[in-house]
C-alpha atoms as a PDB file:
ATOM      1  CA  MET A   1      32.257 -10.970 -30.756  1.00  0.00           C
ATOM      2  CA  ALA A   2      29.062  -9.855 -28.455  1.00  0.00           C
ATOM      3  CA  THR A   3      29.065 -11.083 -24.677  1.00  0.00           C
ATOM      4  CA  PRO A   4      26.123 -13.414 -24.003  1.00  0.00           C
ATOM      5  CA  TYR A   5      23.823 -11.664 -21.716  1.00  0.00           C
ATOM      6  CA  ARG A   6      23.962 -12.963 -17.952  1.00  0.00           C
ATOM      7  CA  PRO A   7      20.972 -13.132 -16.021  1.00  0.00           C
ATOM      8  CA  LEU A   8      20.864 -11.461 -12.660  1.00  0.00           C
ATOM      9  CA  GLU A   9      22.581 -13.887  -9.854  1.00  0.00           C
ATOM     10  CA  LEU A  10      19.639 -14.598  -7.481  1.00  0.00           C
ATOM     11  CA  HIS A  11      18.923 -16.940  -4.408  1.00  0.00           C
ATOM     12  CA  PRO A  12      18.271 -20.555  -5.437  1.00  0.00           C
ATOM     13  CA  HIS A  13      14.289 -20.299  -4.696  1.00  0.00           C
ATOM     14  CA  GLU A  14      14.379 -17.237  -7.408  1.00  0.00           C
ATOM     15  CA  ALA A  15      16.375 -18.510  -9.749  1.00  0.00           C
ATOM     16  CA  LYS A  16      14.652 -18.021 -13.339  1.00  0.00           C
ATOM     17  CA  VAL A  17      14.610 -20.617 -15.990  1.00  0.00           C
ATOM     18  CA  GLY A  18      15.017 -18.544 -18.973  1.00  0.00           C
ATOM     19  CA  HIS A  19      14.180 -15.291 -21.057  1.00  0.00           C
ATOM     20  CA  ARG A  20      12.001 -14.926 -24.281  1.00  0.00           C
ATOM     21  CA  TYR A  21      11.631 -12.046 -26.773  1.00  0.00           C
ATOM     22  CA  VAL A  22       8.147 -10.600 -25.662  1.00  0.00           C
ATOM     23  CA  TRP A  23       8.490  -6.911 -27.090  1.00  0.00           C
ATOM     24  CA  GLU A  24       8.809  -6.509 -30.925  1.00  0.00           C
ATOM     25  CA  MET A  25      10.680  -3.853 -32.569  1.00  0.00           C
ATOM     26  CA  PRO A  26       7.592  -1.831 -33.667  1.00  0.00           C
ATOM     27  CA  VAL A  27       6.424  -2.050 -30.065  1.00  0.00           C
ATOM     28  CA  ARG A  28       9.387  -0.679 -28.622  1.00  0.00           C
ATOM     29  CA  LEU A  29       9.902   2.032 -31.261  1.00  0.00           C
ATOM     30  CA  THR A  30       6.605   3.122 -30.965  1.00  0.00           C
ATOM     31  CA  HIS A  31       6.920   3.385 -27.122  1.00  0.00           C
ATOM     32  CA  PHE A  32       9.849   5.754 -27.340  1.00  0.00           C
ATOM     33  CA  ILE A  33       8.176   7.748 -29.972  1.00  0.00           C
ATOM     34  CA  THR A  34       5.166   8.333 -27.805  1.00  0.00           C
ATOM     35  CA  ALA A  35       6.819   9.133 -24.848  1.00  0.00           C
ATOM     36  CA  THR A  36       9.180  11.650 -26.501  1.00  0.00           C
ATOM     37  CA  ALA A  37       5.876  13.156 -28.586  1.00  0.00           C
ATOM     38  CA  ILE A  38       4.176  13.566 -24.931  1.00  0.00           C
ATOM     39  CA  THR A  39       6.961  15.234 -23.536  1.00  0.00           C
ATOM     40  CA  VAL A  40       7.882  17.684 -26.208  1.00  0.00           C
ATOM     41  CA  LEU A  41       3.860  18.423 -26.448  1.00  0.00           C
ATOM     42  CA  PHE A  42       3.496  19.101 -22.726  1.00  0.00           C
ATOM     43  CA  ALA A  43       6.824  21.563 -22.875  1.00  0.00           C
ATOM     44  CA  THR A  44       5.561  23.251 -25.719  1.00  0.00           C
ATOM     45  CA  GLY A  45       2.106  23.401 -24.579  1.00  0.00           C
ATOM     46  CA  MET A  46       3.209  24.984 -21.133  1.00  0.00           C
ATOM     47  CA  PHE A  47       4.926  27.618 -23.330  1.00  0.00           C
ATOM     48  CA  ILE A  48       1.765  28.371 -25.512  1.00  0.00           C
ATOM     49  CA  ALA A  49      -0.159  28.633 -22.586  1.00  0.00           C
ATOM     50  CA  TRP A  50       2.529  30.776 -20.684  1.00  0.00           C
ATOM     51  CA  PRO A  51       5.170  32.402 -22.755  1.00  0.00           C
ATOM     52  CA  ILE A  52       7.613  32.872 -20.209  1.00  0.00           C
ATOM     53  CA  PHE A  53      10.298  34.044 -22.774  1.00  0.00           C
ATOM     54  CA  SER A  54      10.565  37.401 -24.161  1.00  0.00           C
ATOM     55  CA  PRO A  55      12.869  37.708 -27.375  1.00  0.00           C
ATOM     56  CA  ASN A  56      14.622  40.571 -27.900  1.00  0.00           C
ATOM     57  CA  GLY A  57      14.372  43.013 -30.793  1.00  0.00           C
ATOM     58  CA  ASP A  58      11.414  44.103 -33.014  1.00  0.00           C
ATOM     59  CA  THR A  59       8.811  41.239 -33.217  1.00  0.00           C
ATOM     60  CA  SER A  60       9.218  41.287 -37.089  1.00  0.00           C
ATOM     61  CA  GLN A  61      12.694  39.727 -36.454  1.00  0.00           C
ATOM     62  CA  ASN A  62      11.923  36.780 -34.194  1.00  0.00           C
ATOM     63  CA  PHE A  63       9.204  33.709 -34.781  1.00  0.00           C
ATOM     64  CA  LEU A  64       9.618  32.687 -31.232  1.00  0.00           C
ATOM     65  CA  MET A  65       5.736  31.615 -30.462  1.00  0.00           C
ATOM     66  CA  GLY A  66       5.415  30.419 -34.069  1.00  0.00           C
ATOM     67  CA  ARG A  67       8.397  28.039 -33.793  1.00  0.00           C
ATOM     68  CA  PHE A  68       7.120  26.567 -30.399  1.00  0.00           C
ATOM     69  CA  ARG A  69       3.825  26.043 -32.145  1.00  0.00           C
ATOM     70  CA  GLN A  70       5.488  24.484 -34.979  1.00  0.00           C
ATOM     71  CA  ILE A  71       7.384  21.830 -32.859  1.00  0.00           C
ATOM     72  CA  HIS A  72       4.265  21.284 -30.855  1.00  0.00           C
ATOM     73  CA  LEU A  73       2.387  20.488 -34.281  1.00  0.00           C
ATOM     74  CA  ILE A  74       5.245  18.021 -35.307  1.00  0.00           C
ATOM     75  CA  ALA A  75       5.155  16.361 -32.249  1.00  0.00           C
ATOM     76  CA  ALA A  76       1.593  15.957 -32.355  1.00  0.00           C
ATOM     77  CA  TYR A  77       1.561  14.023 -35.929  1.00  0.00           C
ATOM     78  CA  ALA A  78       4.500  12.083 -34.373  1.00  0.00           C
ATOM     79  CA  LEU A  79       2.055  10.757 -31.401  1.00  0.00           C
ATOM     80  CA  LEU A  80      -0.675  10.580 -34.121  1.00  0.00           C
ATOM     81  CA  PHE A  81       1.109   8.436 -36.484  1.00  0.00           C
ATOM     82  CA  SER A  82       2.374   6.357 -33.461  1.00  0.00           C
ATOM     83  CA  PHE A  83      -1.094   5.616 -32.342  1.00  0.00           C
ATOM     84  CA  ILE A  84      -1.760   4.519 -35.603  1.00  0.00           C
ATOM     85  CA  PHE A  85       0.993   2.354 -36.258  1.00  0.00           C
ATOM     86  CA  ARG A  86       0.692   0.936 -32.657  1.00  0.00           C
ATOM     87  CA  GLY A  87      -2.914   0.103 -33.194  1.00  0.00           C
ATOM     88  CA  TYR A  88      -1.916  -1.885 -36.837  1.00  0.00           C
ATOM     89  CA  TRP A  89       0.489  -3.804 -35.069  1.00  0.00           C
ATOM     90  CA  PHE A  90      -1.785  -4.625 -32.379  1.00  0.00           C
ATOM     91  CA  VAL A  91      -3.402  -6.805 -34.806  1.00  0.00           C
ATOM     92  CA  VAL A  92      -0.477  -8.177 -37.092  1.00  0.00           C
ATOM     93  CA  GLY A  93       2.230  -8.453 -34.124  1.00  0.00           C
ATOM     94  CA  ASN A  94       2.930 -11.207 -31.811  1.00  0.00           C
ATOM     95  CA  LYS A  95       0.371 -12.508 -29.042  1.00  0.00           C
ATOM     96  CA  TYR A  96       2.349 -10.185 -26.481  1.00  0.00           C
ATOM     97  CA  SER A  97       1.395  -6.917 -28.488  1.00  0.00           C
ATOM     98  CA  ARG A  98      -2.241  -7.973 -27.652  1.00  0.00           C
ATOM     99  CA  SER A  99      -1.716  -8.861 -24.016  1.00  0.00           C
ATOM    100  CA  GLY A 100      -3.731  -7.832 -21.445  1.00  0.00           C
ATOM    101  CA  VAL A 101      -6.744  -6.629 -23.397  1.00  0.00           C
ATOM    102  CA  PRO A 102      -9.321  -5.050 -21.110  1.00  0.00           C
ATOM    103  CA  LYS A 103     -12.285  -7.441 -20.872  1.00  0.00           C
ATOM    104  CA  MET A 104     -14.342  -5.057 -18.754  1.00  0.00           C
ATOM    105  CA  TRP A 105     -17.643  -6.919 -19.485  1.00  0.00           C
ATOM    106  CA  GLN A 106     -16.126 -10.167 -17.634  1.00  0.00           C
ATOM    107  CA  GLY A 107     -15.979 -10.676 -13.986  1.00  0.00           C
ATOM    108  CA  HIS A 108     -13.011 -12.672 -13.902  1.00  0.00           C
ATOM    109  CA  TRP A 109     -11.076  -9.874 -15.809  1.00  0.00           C
ATOM    110  CA  TRP A 110     -11.793  -7.546 -12.629  1.00  0.00           C
ATOM    111  CA  LYS A 111     -10.612 -10.178 -10.350  1.00  0.00           C
ATOM    112  CA  ALA A 112      -7.372 -10.587 -12.225  1.00  0.00           C
ATOM    113  CA  VAL A 113      -7.189  -6.236 -11.739  1.00  0.00           C
ATOM    114  CA  PHE A 114      -7.997  -6.943  -7.968  1.00  0.00           C
ATOM    115  CA  ASN A 115      -5.557  -9.877  -7.822  1.00  0.00           C
ATOM    116  CA  GLN A 116      -2.255  -8.139  -9.507  1.00  0.00           C
ATOM    117  CA  GLY A 117      -2.767  -5.200  -7.200  1.00  0.00           C
ATOM    118  CA  LEU A 118      -2.533  -7.494  -4.137  1.00  0.00           C
ATOM    119  CA  GLU A 119       0.559  -9.194  -5.916  1.00  0.00           C
ATOM    120  CA  TYR A 120       2.254  -5.810  -6.027  1.00  0.00           C
ATOM    121  CA  MET A 121       1.895  -5.342  -2.470  1.00  0.00           C
ATOM    122  CA  LYS A 122       3.318  -8.656  -1.164  1.00  0.00           C
ATOM    123  CA  VAL A 123       6.665  -8.954   0.530  1.00  0.00           C
ATOM    124  CA  GLU A 124       7.434 -12.035  -1.725  1.00  0.00           C
ATOM    125  CA  ARG A 125       7.727 -12.306  -5.436  1.00  0.00           C
ATOM    126  CA  GLY A 126       4.478 -13.882  -6.969  1.00  0.00           C
ATOM    127  CA  GLN A 127       3.603 -14.553 -10.596  1.00  0.00           C
ATOM    128  CA  ALA A 128       4.629 -12.196 -13.327  1.00  0.00           C
ATOM    129  CA  HIS A 129       3.023 -11.643 -16.737  1.00  0.00           C
ATOM    130  CA  LEU A 130       5.783 -12.073 -19.537  1.00  0.00           C
ATOM    131  CA  GLY A 131       3.338  -9.626 -21.535  1.00  0.00           C
ATOM    132  CA  HIS A 132       1.185  -6.985 -19.867  1.00  0.00           C
ATOM    133  CA  ASN A 133      -0.953  -7.815 -16.873  1.00  0.00           C
ATOM    134  CA  SER A 134      -4.312  -6.664 -16.416  1.00  0.00           C
ATOM    135  CA  LEU A 135      -3.676  -3.858 -14.111  1.00  0.00           C
ATOM    136  CA  ALA A 136      -1.139  -2.431 -16.481  1.00  0.00           C
ATOM    137  CA  CYS A 137      -3.590  -2.638 -19.455  1.00  0.00           C
ATOM    138  CA  ILE A 138      -6.415  -1.063 -18.043  1.00  0.00           C
ATOM    139  CA  SER A 139      -3.990   2.077 -17.004  1.00  0.00           C
ATOM    140  CA  TYR A 140      -2.864   2.059 -20.573  1.00  0.00           C
ATOM    141  CA  PHE A 141      -6.296   1.713 -22.011  1.00  0.00           C
ATOM    142  CA  PHE A 142      -7.885   4.815 -20.008  1.00  0.00           C
ATOM    143  CA  MET A 143      -4.802   6.987 -19.930  1.00  0.00           C
ATOM    144  CA  VAL A 144      -2.976   6.438 -22.930  1.00  0.00           C
ATOM    145  CA  GLY A 145      -5.813   5.238 -25.120  1.00  0.00           C
ATOM    146  CA  GLY A 146      -8.444   7.391 -23.261  1.00  0.00           C
ATOM    147  CA  VAL A 147      -6.625  10.652 -22.439  1.00  0.00           C
ATOM    148  CA  GLY A 148      -4.258  10.505 -25.481  1.00  0.00           C
ATOM    149  CA  LEU A 149      -7.152  10.110 -27.898  1.00  0.00           C
ATOM    150  CA  PHE A 150      -8.706  12.877 -26.419  1.00  0.00           C
ATOM    151  CA  GLU A 151      -5.731  14.971 -26.390  1.00  0.00           C
ATOM    152  CA  ILE A 152      -5.016  14.269 -30.390  1.00  0.00           C
ATOM    153  CA  VAL A 153      -8.768  14.998 -31.664  1.00  0.00           C
ATOM    154  CA  THR A 154      -8.860  18.214 -29.441  1.00  0.00           C
ATOM    155  CA  GLY A 155      -5.765  19.358 -30.444  1.00  0.00           C
ATOM    156  CA  PHE A 156      -6.345  18.909 -34.065  1.00  0.00           C
ATOM    157  CA  ALA A 157      -9.712  20.512 -33.681  1.00  0.00           C
ATOM    158  CA  MET A 158      -8.161  23.573 -32.422  1.00  0.00           C
ATOM    159  CA  TYR A 159      -5.751  23.417 -35.208  1.00  0.00           C
ATOM    160  CA  GLY A 160      -8.458  23.274 -37.451  1.00  0.00           C
ATOM    161  CA  GLU A 161      -9.934  26.473 -36.287  1.00  0.00           C
ATOM    162  CA  SER A 162      -7.297  28.074 -38.441  1.00  0.00           C
ATOM    163  CA  ASN A 163      -8.603  26.840 -41.548  1.00  0.00           C
ATOM    164  CA  GLN A 164     -12.224  26.746 -41.627  1.00  0.00           C
ATOM    165  CA  GLY A 165     -13.633  23.724 -43.778  1.00  0.00           C
ATOM    166  CA  GLY A 166     -10.125  22.408 -43.912  1.00  0.00           C
ATOM    167  CA  PHE A 167      -9.312  18.768 -43.269  1.00  0.00           C
ATOM    168  CA  TRP A 168      -8.680  18.817 -39.710  1.00  0.00           C
ATOM    169  CA  ASP A 169     -11.621  21.274 -39.317  1.00  0.00           C
ATOM    170  CA  THR A 170     -13.819  18.821 -40.921  1.00  0.00           C
ATOM    171  CA  THR A 171     -12.468  15.725 -39.408  1.00  0.00           C
ATOM    172  CA  CYS A 172     -12.382  16.720 -35.500  1.00  0.00           C
ATOM    173  CA  GLY A 173     -13.799  20.516 -35.606  1.00  0.00           C
ATOM    174  CA  TRP A 174     -17.306  18.730 -34.418  1.00  0.00           C
ATOM    175  CA  VAL A 175     -15.519  18.267 -30.938  1.00  0.00           C
ATOM    176  CA  ILE A 176     -15.430  22.106 -30.266  1.00  0.00           C
ATOM    177  CA  PRO A 177     -19.365  22.755 -29.857  1.00  0.00           C
ATOM    178  CA  LEU A 178     -19.685  19.438 -28.434  1.00  0.00           C
ATOM    179  CA  LEU A 179     -17.198  20.863 -25.370  1.00  0.00           C
ATOM    180  CA  GLY A 180     -19.066  23.694 -25.386  1.00  0.00           C
ATOM    181  CA  GLY A 181     -16.693  26.132 -27.503  1.00  0.00           C
ATOM    182  CA  SER A 182     -13.384  27.013 -28.489  1.00  0.00           C
ATOM    183  CA  TYR A 183     -12.601  28.296 -24.846  1.00  0.00           C
ATOM    184  CA  ARG A 184     -14.012  24.999 -23.231  1.00  0.00           C
ATOM    185  CA  THR A 185     -11.905  23.188 -25.578  1.00  0.00           C
ATOM    186  CA  HIS A 186      -8.609  24.483 -24.789  1.00  0.00           C
ATOM    187  CA  PHE A 187      -9.535  24.300 -21.083  1.00  0.00           C
ATOM    188  CA  TRP A 188      -9.828  20.715 -21.215  1.00  0.00           C
ATOM    189  CA  HIS A 189      -7.195  19.985 -23.568  1.00  0.00           C
ATOM    190  CA  HIS A 190      -4.931  21.716 -20.910  1.00  0.00           C
ATOM    191  CA  THR A 191      -6.528  20.116 -17.983  1.00  0.00           C
ATOM    192  CA  CYS A 192      -5.855  16.633 -19.633  1.00  0.00           C
ATOM    193  CA  ALA A 193      -2.182  17.211 -20.459  1.00  0.00           C
ATOM    194  CA  TRP A 194      -1.715  17.429 -16.575  1.00  0.00           C
ATOM    195  CA  VAL A 195      -3.137  14.152 -16.363  1.00  0.00           C
ATOM    196  CA  PHE A 196      -0.692  12.716 -18.387  1.00  0.00           C
ATOM    197  CA  VAL A 197       1.906  14.207 -16.229  1.00  0.00           C
ATOM    198  CA  ILE A 198       0.458  12.352 -13.486  1.00  0.00           C
ATOM    199  CA  PHE A 199       0.349   9.045 -15.210  1.00  0.00           C
ATOM    200  CA  VAL A 200       4.056   9.321 -16.563  1.00  0.00           C
ATOM    201  CA  ILE A 201       5.069   9.622 -12.910  1.00  0.00           C
ATOM    202  CA  VAL A 202       3.030   6.584 -11.671  1.00  0.00           C
ATOM    203  CA  HIS A 203       4.042   4.730 -14.809  1.00  0.00           C
ATOM    204  CA  LEU A 204       7.903   5.419 -14.048  1.00  0.00           C
ATOM    205  CA  TYR A 205       7.147   4.341 -10.424  1.00  0.00           C
ATOM    206  CA  MET A 206       5.721   1.478 -11.037  1.00  0.00           C
ATOM    207  CA  THR A 207       7.942   0.172 -13.880  1.00  0.00           C
ATOM    208  CA  ILE A 208      11.032   0.607 -11.494  1.00  0.00           C
ATOM    209  CA  PHE A 209       9.113  -1.138  -8.783  1.00  0.00           C
ATOM    210  CA  GLY A 210       7.890  -4.038 -10.661  1.00  0.00           C
ATOM    211  CA  SER A 211      11.291  -4.699 -12.126  1.00  0.00           C
ATOM    212  CA  ILE A 212      12.974  -4.695  -8.747  1.00  0.00           C
ATOM    213  CA  ARG A 213       9.940  -6.505  -7.406  1.00  0.00           C
ATOM    214  CA  PHE A 214       9.690  -9.384 -10.187  1.00  0.00           C
ATOM    215  CA  LYS A 215      13.293  -9.197 -11.260  1.00  0.00           C
ATOM    216  CA  ASN A 216      11.860 -10.070 -14.777  1.00  0.00           C
ATOM    217  CA  GLY A 217      14.039  -7.356 -16.694  1.00  0.00           C
ATOM    218  CA  LEU A 218      10.856  -5.050 -17.279  1.00  0.00           C
ATOM    219  CA  ILE A 219      12.915  -1.834 -17.608  1.00  0.00           C
ATOM    220  CA  SER A 220      15.393  -3.601 -20.050  1.00  0.00           C
ATOM    221  CA  SER A 221      12.744  -4.821 -22.110  1.00  0.00           C
ATOM    222  CA  ILE A 222      11.613  -1.991 -23.541  1.00  0.00           C
ATOM    223  CA  VAL A 223      15.223  -1.575 -24.993  1.00  0.00           C
ATOM    224  CA  SER A 224      16.097  -5.340 -25.974  1.00  0.00           C
ATOM    225  CA  GLY A 225      12.659  -6.794 -26.032  1.00  0.00           C
ATOM    226  CA  ASP A 226      13.577  -9.739 -23.832  1.00  0.00           C
ATOM    227  CA  LYS A 227      11.854 -10.488 -20.544  1.00  0.00           C
ATOM    228  CA  PHE A 228      13.177 -13.278 -17.822  1.00  0.00           C
ATOM    229  CA  TYR A 229      10.724 -15.465 -16.642  1.00  0.00           C
ATOM    230  CA  ARG A 230      10.732 -18.459 -14.160  1.00  0.00           C
ATOM    231  CA  ASP A 231       8.310 -21.292 -13.373  1.00  0.00           C
ATOM    232  CA  GLY A 232       4.751 -20.565 -12.536  1.00  0.00           C
ATOM    233  CA  ASP A 233       5.009 -16.992 -14.510  1.00  0.00           C
ATOM    234  CA  ILE A 234       2.080 -16.219 -16.675  1.00  0.00           C
ATOM    235  CA  ASP A 235       3.076 -16.390 -20.266  1.00  0.00           C
ATOM    236  CA  TYR A 236       0.139 -14.774 -22.054  1.00  0.00           C
ATOM    237  CA  ASP A 237      -3.243 -13.312 -20.513  1.00  0.00           C
END
């Protein structure tokens, strides 16, 4: 028989009033697929750019670079399908799947972003969001949505160069002349990969910091789906 989960023991004025199922399985699954795919893409991409390993034997007996490119391509497809399915679940999932949608045309949304930044800098625990807050959402929108989509399009555009007139050349090939040619497309694709590294470092720091700061089970929620809340927390943005 499973042991019931017990909330953290806190001071009386910080006592939580319960927990709620927030992140559905498809949201959690696509999160881990995306994280794994980005890690594999960066590692294999660095080798493709700087092949530091020198296999022994005749070149006809090894396929090292080709194997790295295969793994890179498999991870790229995993990232693409994860993006597509997460977009689908954004529509059909629960309200938390759509929480924090960036409404950059509204002044009060920018105010919420600013206030959330101030909330992170306070000494005492303030209001926490059960879903994504505005500050988190704007980072996901520009970094995962924007940079991630750019990496997918440029990556498959370069892949399509090996099959002129094929599916990927027809679908994404237009980006190569738009960016000034194949070399510049490679350059921007590689440069934006390092932008992801910065994002991942900041994301991990803010996740750990937020979990400690708000004591709402932020880290464990991406595994279990449950987040803790207390009176005054914001259920849905």
